[in-house]
Amino acid sequence: MKLNWESALLILLVLEILLFGTLNPRMLDINMLLFSTSDFICIGIVALPLTLVIISGGIDISCAPSRWA
């Protein structure tokens, strides 16, 4: 059976949560998981439109301005 990218990322995410949960048991607390997901939602709301602007070429993120190159 061949794994697609989504399945591989889900397995990696579960393994990461289990690994860090064994290193720090407070991470598996339900309140900690809920607060971290609310933080990720705020970051995602900001990152998604900015990603679309960068992909469409609406912003230049090069290190130096093109007129100095």
Protein backbone atom coordinates (compact mmCIF):
# COMPACT_ATOMS: atom_id res chain seq x y z
CA MET A 1 0.00 0.00 0.00
CA LYS A 2 1.39 3.36 -1.02
CA LEU A 3 1.03 6.28 1.39
CA ASN A 4 0.00 9.64 0.02
CA TRP A 5 1.36 12.92 1.42
CA GLU A 6 -1.63 13.57 3.63
CA SER A 7 -1.38 10.19 5.33
CA ALA A 8 2.37 10.54 5.82
CA LEU A 9 1.95 13.99 7.37
CA LEU A 10 -0.81 12.73 9.68
CA ILE A 11 1.36 9.84 10.85
CA LEU A 12 4.29 12.21 11.39
CA LEU A 13 2.08 14.59 13.39
CA VAL A 14 0.79 11.79 15.63
CA LEU A 15 4.32 10.49 16.22
CA GLU A 16 5.52 14.00 17.07
CA ILE A 17 2.71 14.52 19.57
CA LEU A 18 3.42 11.15 21.18
CA LEU A 19 7.17 11.83 21.35
CA PHE A 20 6.80 15.24 22.94
CA GLY A 21 4.04 13.90 25.17
CA THR A 22 6.41 11.32 26.61
CA LEU A 23 9.11 13.95 27.14
CA ASN A 24 6.70 16.40 28.80
CA PRO A 25 3.42 14.88 30.08
CA ARG A 26 1.85 18.34 30.50
CA MET A 27 1.75 18.62 26.71
CA LEU A 28 -0.97 15.97 26.50
CA ASP A 29 -3.23 17.94 28.84
CA ILE A 30 -6.48 18.79 27.04
CA ASN A 31 -6.27 22.47 27.99
CA MET A 32 -2.77 22.73 26.52
CA LEU A 33 -3.91 21.11 23.27
CA LEU A 34 -6.93 23.42 22.98
CA PHE A 35 -4.90 26.56 23.64
CA SER A 36 -2.25 25.55 21.11
CA THR A 37 -4.85 24.93 18.40
CA SER A 38 -6.34 28.38 18.98
CA ASP A 39 -2.86 29.86 18.53
CA PHE A 40 -2.39 27.93 15.28
CA ILE A 41 -5.72 29.22 13.97
CA CYS A 42 -4.67 32.84 14.51
CA ILE A 43 -1.34 32.25 12.76
CA GLY A 44 -3.06 30.46 9.89
CA ILE A 45 -5.57 33.28 9.38
CA VAL A 46 -2.67 35.70 8.91
CA ALA A 47 -0.39 33.35 6.95
CA LEU A 48 -2.84 32.17 4.30
CA PRO A 49 -3.55 35.54 2.64
CA LEU A 50 0.13 36.51 2.85
CA THR A 51 1.09 33.26 1.18
CA LEU A 52 -1.31 33.96 -1.67
CA VAL A 53 0.16 37.45 -2.11
CA ILE A 54 3.71 36.10 -2.21
CA ILE A 55 2.81 33.32 -4.67
CA SER A 56 1.01 35.73 -7.01
CA GLY A 57 4.07 37.97 -7.11
CA GLY A 58 2.45 40.90 -5.36
CA ILE A 59 5.32 41.29 -2.92
CA ASP A 60 9.07 41.03 -3.36
CA ILE A 61 10.83 39.22 -0.53
CA SER A 62 14.33 39.33 -1.97
CA CYS A 63 17.23 40.39 0.25
CA ALA A 64 18.19 43.50 -1.73
CA PRO A 65 16.12 45.83 -3.89
CA SER A 66 16.38 44.97 -7.58
CA ARG A 67 17.71 48.41 -8.52
CA TRP A 68 20.85 47.84 -6.39
CA ALA A 69 21.68 44.44 -7.85
